[in-house]
Amino acid sequence: MTQTVLNLLDCGLPDLAAAEEAAAAFLRALGVATDTENMRETPARMARAYAELFSSDPFEPTTFPNDEGYDELVVARDIPLRSVCEHHLLPFTGTACVGYLPGERILGLSKLARVVEHFACRPQVQERLTKQIADWLTTELNPRAVGVVIRAEHTCMTLRGVQATGSTTLTSALLGRLRTDASSRQEFFALAGIG
């Protein structure tokens, strides 16, 4: 198993001054005046807000030997997540349920939430996010099974276009035994609070 430090910001630190200029130009192009007292700092606030949305602290996954041979599901539910739709740059928010059937190593529980936060911090689609989390756990832990379920509300769907207020999108990724064994899959979905 490889111990890797996750850091998505391989493209360097954000250039907040350039982002602020671009935000001001963007607002002007849409006919939004930024010369009033209330709007004067909006381009700078936009730049800082998106820089925050697009960043995640690097972390080192903490794993431990599974000395006791624990062979039941480990599931963390209701992990809050926020991301930004890569198609409209509008937020989507929701929760993730992440579980795995340990092999030789177990993961520090807080790292399940860290992995969700890490992959959610860039412009993203929910389907890819779900798979990235599952694939990462598989690579890092070599578990017997991995399951990830994400439920999220996409503002690109609820605030614009179809305006389907209150709708949520549910995605899942099941690997290993959760994909091949119906009773294990059913147990995971029950623990995840689905059906």
Protein backbone atom coordinates (compact mmCIF):
# COMPACT_ATOMS: atom_id res chain seq x y z
CA MET A 1 0.00 0.00 0.00
CA THR A 2 1.31 3.44 -0.83
CA GLN A 3 1.12 6.29 1.63
CA THR A 4 0.51 9.37 -0.49
CA VAL A 5 -0.09 12.97 0.42
CA LEU A 6 -3.10 14.23 -1.51
CA ASN A 7 -2.85 17.70 -2.99
CA LEU A 8 -4.98 18.77 -5.95
CA LEU A 9 -3.45 22.22 -6.13
CA ASP A 10 -0.63 21.08 -8.39
CA CYS A 11 -1.33 24.02 -10.68
CA GLY A 12 0.00 26.43 -8.06
CA LEU A 13 -1.54 29.00 -5.78
CA PRO A 14 -4.50 30.98 -7.06
CA ASP A 15 -3.78 34.41 -8.52
CA LEU A 16 -6.39 36.38 -6.61
CA ALA A 17 -5.58 39.69 -8.32
CA ALA A 18 -6.13 38.17 -11.77
CA ALA A 19 -9.27 36.42 -10.56
CA GLU A 20 -10.62 39.71 -9.18
CA GLU A 21 -9.99 41.46 -12.51
CA ALA A 22 -11.69 38.62 -14.37
CA ALA A 23 -14.66 38.68 -11.97
CA ALA A 24 -15.07 42.43 -12.50
CA ALA A 25 -14.93 41.98 -16.28
CA PHE A 26 -17.41 39.10 -16.07
CA LEU A 27 -19.91 41.16 -14.07
CA ARG A 28 -19.53 44.14 -16.39
CA ALA A 29 -20.09 41.88 -19.42
CA LEU A 30 -23.36 40.74 -17.85
CA GLY A 31 -24.45 44.33 -17.24
CA VAL A 32 -23.91 44.25 -13.48
CA ALA A 33 -22.54 47.54 -12.17
CA THR A 34 -19.78 47.25 -9.59
CA ASP A 35 -19.30 50.97 -8.92
CA THR A 36 -21.76 51.26 -6.01
CA GLU A 37 -20.69 51.04 -2.39
CA ASN A 38 -22.46 47.69 -2.00
CA MET A 39 -20.89 46.14 -5.11
CA ARG A 40 -17.41 47.71 -5.11
CA GLU A 41 -15.75 44.79 -3.32
CA THR A 42 -17.84 42.08 -5.00
CA PRO A 43 -15.20 41.07 -7.58
CA ALA A 44 -12.64 40.57 -4.78
CA ARG A 45 -15.15 38.64 -2.70
CA MET A 46 -16.01 36.47 -5.73
CA ALA A 47 -12.32 35.73 -6.31
CA ARG A 48 -11.78 34.75 -2.66
CA ALA A 49 -14.99 32.69 -2.56
CA TYR A 50 -14.09 30.63 -5.63
CA ALA A 51 -10.49 30.23 -4.44
CA GLU A 52 -11.91 28.79 -1.21
CA LEU A 53 -14.37 26.55 -3.07
CA PHE A 54 -11.58 25.20 -5.29
CA SER A 55 -9.06 24.40 -2.57
CA SER A 56 -8.58 21.58 -0.13
CA ASP A 57 -5.89 21.11 2.45
CA PRO A 58 -3.45 18.35 1.55
CA PHE A 59 -3.55 15.39 3.88
CA GLU A 60 -1.76 12.16 4.46
CA PRO A 61 -4.02 9.13 4.67
CA THR A 62 -3.58 7.47 8.05
CA THR A 63 -3.95 3.71 7.87
CA PHE A 64 -3.43 1.05 10.49
CA PRO A 65 -2.92 -2.70 10.38
CA ASN A 66 -6.15 -4.64 10.71
CA ASP A 67 -4.62 -6.69 13.54
CA GLU A 68 -7.98 -7.89 14.84
CA GLY A 69 -9.02 -9.11 11.41
CA TYR A 70 -12.16 -6.96 11.39
CA ASP A 71 -14.27 -8.30 8.52
CA GLU A 72 -17.50 -6.29 8.62
CA LEU A 73 -18.40 -3.09 6.83
CA VAL A 74 -17.01 0.25 8.03
CA VAL A 75 -19.44 2.98 6.99
CA ALA A 76 -19.37 6.74 7.54
CA ARG A 77 -22.74 8.34 6.77
CA ASP A 78 -23.94 11.88 6.21
CA ILE A 79 -20.52 13.30 5.36
CA PRO A 80 -21.30 16.84 4.20
CA LEU A 81 -20.00 17.76 0.78
CA ARG A 82 -19.94 20.82 -1.38
CA SER A 83 -18.64 21.07 -4.88
CA VAL A 84 -19.10 23.12 -8.02
CA CYS A 85 -20.66 21.83 -11.23
CA GLU A 86 -18.03 21.97 -13.94
CA HIS A 87 -20.63 22.81 -16.57
CA HIS A 88 -22.09 25.98 -14.98
CA LEU A 89 -19.74 26.71 -12.04
CA LEU A 90 -22.74 26.63 -9.74
CA PRO A 91 -22.56 24.82 -6.40
CA PHE A 92 -23.95 21.44 -5.57
CA THR A 93 -24.25 20.32 -1.97
CA GLY A 94 -25.26 17.16 -0.21
CA THR A 95 -23.95 14.21 1.71
CA ALA A 96 -21.80 11.21 1.05
CA CYS A 97 -21.91 7.75 2.54
CA VAL A 98 -18.57 5.99 2.26
CA GLY A 99 -17.93 2.42 3.30
CA TYR A 100 -15.46 -0.37 2.85
CA LEU A 101 -14.90 -3.99 3.82
CA PRO A 102 -11.39 -4.01 5.28
CA GLY A 103 -8.54 -6.14 4.05
CA GLU A 104 -5.17 -5.97 5.79
CA ARG A 105 -5.42 -2.26 6.67
CA ILE A 106 -8.05 0.10 8.06
CA LEU A 107 -8.28 3.85 7.47
CA GLY A 108 -8.50 6.51 10.17
CA LEU A 109 -12.21 7.40 10.25
CA SER A 110 -11.72 11.14 9.80
CA LYS A 111 -9.91 10.40 6.54
CA LEU A 112 -13.16 9.19 4.97
CA ALA A 113 -14.50 12.74 5.27
CA ARG A 114 -11.15 14.17 4.13
CA VAL A 115 -11.22 12.08 0.94
CA VAL A 116 -14.71 13.35 0.13
CA GLU A 117 -13.65 16.96 0.73
CA HIS A 118 -10.47 16.49 -1.28
CA PHE A 119 -12.09 15.23 -4.47
CA ALA A 120 -15.08 17.59 -4.18
CA CYS A 121 -12.99 20.76 -4.11
CA ARG A 122 -12.52 21.19 -7.87
CA PRO A 123 -15.12 21.83 -10.57
CA GLN A 124 -16.67 18.41 -10.86
CA VAL A 125 -19.56 16.20 -11.89
CA GLN A 126 -21.20 14.05 -9.25
CA GLU A 127 -20.72 10.82 -11.18
CA ARG A 128 -16.95 11.31 -11.42
CA LEU A 129 -16.71 12.43 -7.79
CA THR A 130 -18.43 9.23 -6.64
CA LYS A 131 -16.06 7.07 -8.65
CA GLN A 132 -12.93 9.00 -7.65
CA ILE A 133 -13.63 8.42 -3.96
CA ALA A 134 -14.27 4.69 -4.51
CA ASP A 135 -11.19 4.26 -6.71
CA TRP A 136 -8.97 6.09 -4.22
CA LEU A 137 -10.09 3.86 -1.34
CA THR A 138 -9.48 0.78 -3.48
CA THR A 139 -5.99 1.91 -4.44
CA GLU A 140 -4.94 3.04 -0.95
CA LEU A 141 -6.47 0.26 1.17
CA ASN A 142 -6.82 -2.74 -1.10
CA PRO A 143 -10.08 -3.59 0.72
CA ARG A 144 -12.41 -6.46 -0.11
CA ALA A 145 -15.15 -4.00 -1.08
CA VAL A 146 -15.88 -0.29 -1.38
CA GLY A 147 -19.18 1.55 -1.56
CA VAL A 148 -19.85 5.24 -2.07
CA VAL A 149 -23.26 6.88 -2.31
CA ILE A 150 -23.68 10.61 -2.86
CA ARG A 151 -26.96 12.51 -2.63
CA ALA A 152 -26.76 16.13 -3.74
CA GLU A 153 -28.85 19.08 -4.83
CA HIS A 154 -27.48 20.84 -7.89
CA THR A 155 -28.22 24.54 -8.12
CA CYS A 156 -27.64 24.36 -11.89
CA MET A 157 -30.87 22.32 -11.88
CA THR A 158 -32.82 24.03 -9.10
CA LEU A 159 -32.04 27.73 -9.68
CA ARG A 160 -31.91 27.86 -13.49
CA GLY A 161 -33.07 25.88 -16.49
CA VAL A 162 -35.72 23.42 -15.42
CA GLN A 163 -35.83 24.94 -11.88
CA ALA A 164 -36.60 21.58 -10.28
CA THR A 165 -36.57 22.92 -6.72
CA GLY A 166 -36.00 20.24 -4.10
CA SER A 167 -34.76 17.59 -6.51
CA THR A 168 -31.69 15.58 -5.58
CA THR A 169 -29.34 13.39 -7.56
CA LEU A 170 -28.19 10.06 -6.19
CA THR A 171 -25.07 8.30 -7.46
CA SER A 172 -23.31 5.17 -6.30
CA ALA A 173 -20.07 3.33 -6.91
CA LEU A 174 -19.77 -0.26 -5.74
CA LEU A 175 -16.54 -2.19 -6.06
CA GLY A 176 -15.38 -5.65 -5.04
CA ARG A 177 -17.76 -7.74 -3.00
CA LEU A 178 -20.38 -4.98 -2.83
CA ARG A 179 -20.68 -5.22 -6.60
CA THR A 180 -20.67 -9.00 -6.86
CA ASP A 181 -22.55 -10.15 -3.74
CA ALA A 182 -26.23 -9.16 -3.51
CA SER A 183 -26.52 -9.61 0.27
CA SER A 184 -23.42 -7.47 0.93
CA ARG A 185 -24.74 -4.81 -1.43
CA GLN A 186 -28.12 -4.86 0.32
CA GLU A 187 -26.41 -4.53 3.73
CA PHE A 188 -24.38 -1.53 2.53
CA PHE A 189 -27.44 0.21 1.09
CA ALA A 190 -29.36 -0.43 4.33
CA LEU A 191 -26.49 1.04 6.39
CA ALA A 192 -26.35 3.96 3.93
CA GLY A 193 -30.06 4.58 4.55
CA ILE A 194 -31.18 3.72 1.04
CA GLY A 195 -34.28 1.65 0.41
